[in-house]
Each structure stands twice: as C-alpha cells, then as structure tokens.
Amino acid sequence: MKCRRCGANIGWKQDCVGKWEPLNLDGTSHFSTCPQAKAWKNQNKNSGTDYTKLGIKDKAQTTL
C-alpha cells in the first residue's frame, strides 16, 4: 500500500492495544518519517480510521 499523504510504500501492524500503525518497509513507524505526519495527527483526532476506505478488506492485508 501507499501512504495517502506522501505516497511512500507502507504496511500496517496492530500494536499491543489494538490500534493500527503504518510502518515503513524497513519496519520503522511511518509516523516518524512521513513529511505529512502533522496533517495526519490533526485530522479527526477523536475518530477511528475506516480502513475499508484504504482498500483493506482483510486484516491479513495489513501486515508486512
């Protein structure tokens, strides 16, 4: 998959509390390297992400 903000190739992983986190292909958090990270942080602070809009239909598609 690609980051909708910067276009980088990313994967997804569920963290220990069940939240989905975007990862770079080397396994590092994409939040720490995305030049548009602030825009993501400020967007819909209190709402969950609808992963179906990202094209993810099956949780198996979210792992690297």
PDB file of N, CA and C in Angstrom:
ATOM      1  N   MET A   1       0.835  -1.175   0.000  1.00  0.00           N
ATOM      2  CA  MET A   1       0.000   0.000   0.000  1.00  0.00           C
ATOM      3  C   MET A   1       0.883   1.242   0.000  1.00  0.00           C
ATOM      4  N   LYS A   2       0.272   2.359  -0.265  1.00  0.00           N
ATOM      5  CA  LYS A   2       0.984   3.630  -0.274  1.00  0.00           C
ATOM      6  C   LYS A   2       0.333   4.601   0.710  1.00  0.00           C
ATOM      7  N   CYS A   3       1.159   5.415   1.336  1.00  0.00           N
ATOM      8  CA  CYS A   3       0.671   6.477   2.215  1.00  0.00           C
ATOM      9  C   CYS A   3      -0.148   7.443   1.375  1.00  0.00           C
ATOM     10  N   ARG A   4      -1.331   7.777   1.847  1.00  0.00           N
ATOM     11  CA  ARG A   4      -2.190   8.686   1.086  1.00  0.00           C
ATOM     12  C   ARG A   4      -1.663  10.111   1.069  1.00  0.00           C
ATOM     13  N   ARG A   5      -0.801  10.468   2.002  1.00  0.00           N
ATOM     14  CA  ARG A   5      -0.264  11.828   2.068  1.00  0.00           C
ATOM     15  C   ARG A   5       1.014  11.983   1.253  1.00  0.00           C
ATOM     16  N   CYS A   6       1.996  11.080   1.467  1.00  0.00           N
ATOM     17  CA  CYS A   6       3.304  11.285   0.833  1.00  0.00           C
ATOM     18  C   CYS A   6       3.607  10.283  -0.281  1.00  0.00           C
ATOM     19  N   GLY A   7       2.802   9.223  -0.405  1.00  0.00           N
ATOM     20  CA  GLY A   7       2.991   8.262  -1.478  1.00  0.00           C
ATOM     21  C   GLY A   7       4.022   7.175  -1.209  1.00  0.00           C
ATOM     22  N   ALA A   8       4.604   7.139  -0.007  1.00  0.00           N
ATOM     23  CA  ALA A   8       5.609   6.121   0.327  1.00  0.00           C
ATOM     24  C   ALA A   8       4.943   4.746   0.460  1.00  0.00           C
ATOM     25  N   ASN A   9       5.683   3.702   0.140  1.00  0.00           N
ATOM     26  CA  ASN A   9       5.198   2.335   0.342  1.00  0.00           C
ATOM     27  C   ASN A   9       5.176   2.033   1.830  1.00  0.00           C
ATOM     28  N   ILE A  10       4.030   1.531   2.320  1.00  0.00           N
ATOM     29  CA  ILE A  10       3.879   1.228   3.743  1.00  0.00           C
ATOM     30  C   ILE A  10       3.145  -0.090   3.923  1.00  0.00           C
ATOM     31  N   GLY A  11       3.228  -0.606   5.136  1.00  0.00           N
ATOM     32  CA  GLY A  11       2.442  -1.749   5.570  1.00  0.00           C
ATOM     33  C   GLY A  11       1.743  -1.364   6.859  1.00  0.00           C
ATOM     34  N   TRP A  12       0.941  -2.264   7.397  1.00  0.00           N
ATOM     35  CA  TRP A  12       0.197  -1.963   8.613  1.00  0.00           C
ATOM     36  C   TRP A  12       0.404  -3.067   9.627  1.00  0.00           C
ATOM     37  N   LYS A  13       0.390  -2.693  10.907  1.00  0.00           N
ATOM     38  CA  LYS A  13       0.532  -3.643  12.006  1.00  0.00           C
ATOM     39  C   LYS A  13      -0.321  -3.160  13.161  1.00  0.00           C
ATOM     40  N   GLN A  14      -0.882  -4.105  13.894  1.00  0.00           N
ATOM     41  CA  GLN A  14      -1.677  -3.762  15.061  1.00  0.00           C
ATOM     42  C   GLN A  14      -0.752  -3.724  16.272  1.00  0.00           C
ATOM     43  N   ASP A  15      -0.842  -2.636  17.061  1.00  0.00           N
ATOM     44  CA  ASP A  15       0.026  -2.529  18.240  1.00  0.00           C
ATOM     45  C   ASP A  15      -0.570  -3.303  19.415  1.00  0.00           C
ATOM     46  N   CYS A  16       0.085  -3.235  20.571  1.00  0.00           N
ATOM     47  CA  CYS A  16      -0.310  -4.044  21.723  1.00  0.00           C
ATOM     48  C   CYS A  16      -1.672  -3.674  22.304  1.00  0.00           C
ATOM     49  N   VAL A  17      -2.186  -2.480  21.996  1.00  0.00           N
ATOM     50  CA  VAL A  17      -3.510  -2.084  22.488  1.00  0.00           C
ATOM     51  C   VAL A  17      -4.582  -2.157  21.400  1.00  0.00           C
ATOM     52  N   GLY A  18      -4.208  -2.684  20.233  1.00  0.00           N
ATOM     53  CA  GLY A  18      -5.180  -2.897  19.166  1.00  0.00           C
ATOM     54  C   GLY A  18      -5.299  -1.796  18.138  1.00  0.00           C
ATOM     55  N   LYS A  19      -4.484  -0.757  18.236  1.00  0.00           N
ATOM     56  CA  LYS A  19      -4.534   0.322  17.240  1.00  0.00           C
ATOM     57  C   LYS A  19      -3.665  -0.055  16.046  1.00  0.00           C
ATOM     58  N   TRP A  20      -4.081   0.353  14.871  1.00  0.00           N
ATOM     59  CA  TRP A  20      -3.325   0.072  13.654  1.00  0.00           C
ATOM     60  C   TRP A  20      -2.283   1.150  13.426  1.00  0.00           C
ATOM     61  N   GLU A  21      -1.086   0.733  13.090  1.00  0.00           N
ATOM     62  CA  GLU A  21       0.039   1.641  12.912  1.00  0.00           C
ATOM     63  C   GLU A  21       0.658   1.444  11.526  1.00  0.00           C
ATOM     64  N   PRO A  22       0.879   2.539  10.790  1.00  0.00           N
ATOM     65  CA  PRO A  22       1.550   2.414   9.494  1.00  0.00           C
ATOM     66  C   PRO A  22       3.050   2.230   9.691  1.00  0.00           C
ATOM     67  N   LEU A  23       3.629   1.321   8.924  1.00  0.00           N
ATOM     68  CA  LEU A  23       5.058   1.046   9.030  1.00  0.00           C
ATOM     69  C   LEU A  23       5.737   1.212   7.681  1.00  0.00           C
ATOM     70  N   ASN A  24       6.959   1.719   7.723  1.00  0.00           N
ATOM     71  CA  ASN A  24       7.785   1.724   6.518  1.00  0.00           C
ATOM     72  C   ASN A  24       8.183   0.283   6.225  1.00  0.00           C
ATOM     73  N   LEU A  25       8.661   0.030   5.032  1.00  0.00           N
ATOM     74  CA  LEU A  25       9.018  -1.332   4.663  1.00  0.00           C
ATOM     75  C   LEU A  25      10.174  -1.892   5.478  1.00  0.00           C
ATOM     76  N   ASP A  26      10.958  -1.024   6.119  1.00  0.00           N
ATOM     77  CA  ASP A  26      12.043  -1.498   6.985  1.00  0.00           C
ATOM     78  C   ASP A  26      11.566  -1.774   8.411  1.00  0.00           C
ATOM     79  N   GLY A  27      10.259  -1.601   8.680  1.00  0.00           N
ATOM     80  CA  GLY A  27       9.684  -1.905   9.986  1.00  0.00           C
ATOM     81  C   GLY A  27       9.591  -0.735  10.942  1.00  0.00           C
ATOM     82  N   THR A  28      10.112   0.438  10.560  1.00  0.00           N
ATOM     83  CA  THR A  28      10.018   1.612  11.430  1.00  0.00           C
ATOM     84  C   THR A  28       8.659   2.286  11.252  1.00  0.00           C
ATOM     85  N   SER A  29       8.247   3.012  12.271  1.00  0.00           N
ATOM     86  CA  SER A  29       6.958   3.698  12.220  1.00  0.00           C
ATOM     87  C   SER A  29       6.960   4.747  11.114  1.00  0.00           C
ATOM     88  N   HIS A  30       5.941   4.717  10.281  1.00  0.00           N
ATOM     89  CA  HIS A  30       5.852   5.714   9.212  1.00  0.00           C
ATOM     90  C   HIS A  30       5.504   7.090   9.778  1.00  0.00           C
ATOM     91  N   PHE A  31       4.886   7.134  10.965  1.00  0.00           N
ATOM     92  CA  PHE A  31       4.584   8.423  11.588  1.00  0.00           C
ATOM     93  C   PHE A  31       5.855   9.225  11.853  1.00  0.00           C
ATOM     94  N   SER A  32       6.963   8.535  12.108  1.00  0.00           N
ATOM     95  CA  SER A  32       8.201   9.238  12.424  1.00  0.00           C
ATOM     96  C   SER A  32       8.936   9.742  11.180  1.00  0.00           C
ATOM     97  N   THR A  33       8.593   9.234   9.997  1.00  0.00           N
ATOM     98  CA  THR A  33       9.314   9.631   8.789  1.00  0.00           C
ATOM     99  C   THR A  33       8.456  10.343   7.751  1.00  0.00           C
ATOM    100  N   CYS A  34       7.162  10.296   7.889  1.00  0.00           N
ATOM    101  CA  CYS A  34       6.278  10.914   6.893  1.00  0.00           C
ATOM    102  C   CYS A  34       6.381  12.437   6.983  1.00  0.00           C
ATOM    103  N   PRO A  35       6.663  13.096   5.856  1.00  0.00           N
ATOM    104  CA  PRO A  35       6.747  14.556   5.889  1.00  0.00           C
ATOM    105  C   PRO A  35       5.388  15.214   6.169  1.00  0.00           C
ATOM    106  N   GLN A  36       4.314  14.439   6.068  1.00  0.00           N
ATOM    107  CA  GLN A  36       2.969  14.959   6.306  1.00  0.00           C
ATOM    108  C   GLN A  36       2.382  14.457   7.625  1.00  0.00           C
ATOM    109  N   ALA A  37       3.210  13.977   8.538  1.00  0.00           N
ATOM    110  CA  ALA A  37       2.732  13.376   9.791  1.00  0.00           C
ATOM    111  C   ALA A  37       1.851  14.322  10.602  1.00  0.00           C
ATOM    112  N   LYS A  38       2.182  15.592  10.643  1.00  0.00           N
ATOM    113  CA  LYS A  38       1.370  16.546  11.411  1.00  0.00           C
ATOM    114  C   LYS A  38      -0.044  16.641  10.865  1.00  0.00           C
ATOM    115  N   ALA A  39      -0.191  16.558   9.562  1.00  0.00           N
ATOM    116  CA  ALA A  39      -1.517  16.617   8.953  1.00  0.00           C
ATOM    117  C   ALA A  39      -2.356  15.412   9.388  1.00  0.00           C
ATOM    118  N   TRP A  40      -1.740  14.236   9.487  1.00  0.00           N
ATOM    119  CA  TRP A  40      -2.461  13.037   9.941  1.00  0.00           C
ATOM    120  C   TRP A  40      -2.854  13.189  11.398  1.00  0.00           C
ATOM    121  N   LYS A  41      -1.938  13.696  12.209  1.00  0.00           N
ATOM    122  CA  LYS A  41      -2.193  13.812  13.645  1.00  0.00           C
ATOM    123  C   LYS A  41      -3.362  14.741  13.923  1.00  0.00           C
ATOM    124  N   ASN A  42      -3.470  15.817  13.160  1.00  0.00           N
ATOM    125  CA  ASN A  42      -4.522  16.806  13.396  1.00  0.00           C
ATOM    126  C   ASN A  42      -5.847  16.441  12.747  1.00  0.00           C
ATOM    127  N   GLN A  43      -5.835  15.460  11.861  1.00  0.00           N
ATOM    128  CA  GLN A  43      -7.054  15.083  11.153  1.00  0.00           C
ATOM    129  C   GLN A  43      -7.883  14.137  12.012  1.00  0.00           C
ATOM    130  N   ASN A  44      -9.094  14.522  12.317  1.00  0.00           N
ATOM    131  CA  ASN A  44     -10.039  13.667  13.027  1.00  0.00           C
ATOM    132  C   ASN A  44      -9.431  13.037  14.274  1.00  0.00           C
ATOM    133  N   LYS A  45      -9.016  13.853  15.201  1.00  0.00           N
ATOM    134  CA  LYS A  45      -8.340  13.369  16.405  1.00  0.00           C
ATOM    135  C   LYS A  45      -9.153  12.313  17.154  1.00  0.00           C
ATOM    136  N   ASN A  46     -10.456  12.459  17.186  1.00  0.00           N
ATOM    137  CA  ASN A  46     -11.270  11.563  18.008  1.00  0.00           C
ATOM    138  C   ASN A  46     -11.975  10.471  17.208  1.00  0.00           C
ATOM    139  N   SER A  47     -11.685  10.359  15.940  1.00  0.00           N
ATOM    140  CA  SER A  47     -12.371   9.328  15.166  1.00  0.00           C
ATOM    141  C   SER A  47     -11.396   8.246  14.746  1.00  0.00           C
ATOM    142  N   GLY A  48     -11.911   7.054  14.595  1.00  0.00           N
ATOM    143  CA  GLY A  48     -11.088   5.937  14.147  1.00  0.00           C
ATOM    144  C   GLY A  48     -10.922   5.980  12.638  1.00  0.00           C
ATOM    145  N   THR A  49      -9.927   5.280  12.140  1.00  0.00           N
ATOM    146  CA  THR A  49      -9.696   5.222  10.711  1.00  0.00           C
ATOM    147  C   THR A  49     -10.576   4.156  10.098  1.00  0.00           C
ATOM    148  N   ASP A  50     -11.222   4.473   9.002  1.00  0.00           N
ATOM    149  CA  ASP A  50     -12.012   3.492   8.265  1.00  0.00           C
ATOM    150  C   ASP A  50     -11.086   2.827   7.256  1.00  0.00           C
ATOM    151  N   TYR A  51     -10.557   1.665   7.619  1.00  0.00           N
ATOM    152  CA  TYR A  51      -9.571   1.006   6.771  1.00  0.00           C
ATOM    153  C   TYR A  51     -10.167   0.468   5.480  1.00  0.00           C
ATOM    154  N   THR A  52     -11.501   0.352   5.409  1.00  0.00           N
ATOM    155  CA  THR A  52     -12.094  -0.073   4.151  1.00  0.00           C
ATOM    156  C   THR A  52     -11.897   0.997   3.086  1.00  0.00           C
ATOM    157  N   LYS A  53     -11.815   2.259   3.506  1.00  0.00           N
ATOM    158  CA  LYS A  53     -11.543   3.334   2.553  1.00  0.00           C
ATOM    159  C   LYS A  53     -10.118   3.254   2.028  1.00  0.00           C
ATOM    160  N   LEU A  54      -9.232   2.604   2.782  1.00  0.00           N
ATOM    161  CA  LEU A  54      -7.846   2.438   2.357  1.00  0.00           C
ATOM    162  C   LEU A  54      -7.677   1.203   1.490  1.00  0.00           C
ATOM    163  N   GLY A  55      -8.755   0.477   1.252  1.00  0.00           N
ATOM    164  CA  GLY A  55      -8.670  -0.719   0.436  1.00  0.00           C
ATOM    165  C   GLY A  55      -8.341  -1.967   1.228  1.00  0.00           C
ATOM    166  N   ILE A  56      -8.391  -1.886   2.552  1.00  0.00           N
ATOM    167  CA  ILE A  56      -8.084  -3.043   3.388  1.00  0.00           C
ATOM    168  C   ILE A  56      -9.396  -3.736   3.733  1.00  0.00           C
ATOM    169  N   LYS A  57      -9.564  -4.922   3.217  1.00  0.00           N
ATOM    170  CA  LYS A  57     -10.782  -5.675   3.486  1.00  0.00           C
ATOM    171  C   LYS A  57     -10.526  -6.775   4.503  1.00  0.00           C
ATOM    172  N   ASP A  58      -9.302  -7.232   4.564  1.00  0.00           N
ATOM    173  CA  ASP A  58      -8.944  -8.351   5.430  1.00  0.00           C
ATOM    174  C   ASP A  58      -7.739  -7.931   6.270  1.00  0.00           C
ATOM    175  N   LYS A  59      -7.769  -8.209   7.565  1.00  0.00           N
ATOM    176  CA  LYS A  59      -6.659  -7.819   8.426  1.00  0.00           C
ATOM    177  C   LYS A  59      -5.337  -8.426   7.969  1.00  0.00           C
ATOM    178  N   ALA A  60      -5.394  -9.542   7.269  1.00  0.00           N
ATOM    179  CA  ALA A  60      -4.168 -10.175   6.781  1.00  0.00           C
ATOM    180  C   ALA A  60      -3.445  -9.276   5.788  1.00  0.00           C
ATOM    181  N   GLN A  61      -4.155  -8.368   5.144  1.00  0.00           N
ATOM    182  CA  GLN A  61      -3.550  -7.442   4.188  1.00  0.00           C
ATOM    183  C   GLN A  61      -2.758  -6.346   4.895  1.00  0.00           C
ATOM    184  N   THR A  62      -2.898  -6.237   6.198  1.00  0.00           N
ATOM    185  CA  THR A  62      -2.293  -5.130   6.913  1.00  0.00           C
ATOM    186  C   THR A  62      -0.901  -5.426   7.428  1.00  0.00           C
ATOM    187  N   THR A  63      -0.450  -6.653   7.348  1.00  0.00           N
ATOM    188  CA  THR A  63       0.881  -6.986   7.858  1.00  0.00           C
ATOM    189  C   THR A  63       1.912  -6.898   6.765  1.00  0.00           C
ATOM    190  N   LEU A  64       3.145  -6.672   7.167  1.00  0.00           N
ATOM    191  CA  LEU A  64       4.245  -6.590   6.206  1.00  0.00           C
ATOM    192  C   LEU A  64       4.671  -7.963   5.772  1.00  0.00           C
TER     193      LEU A  64
END
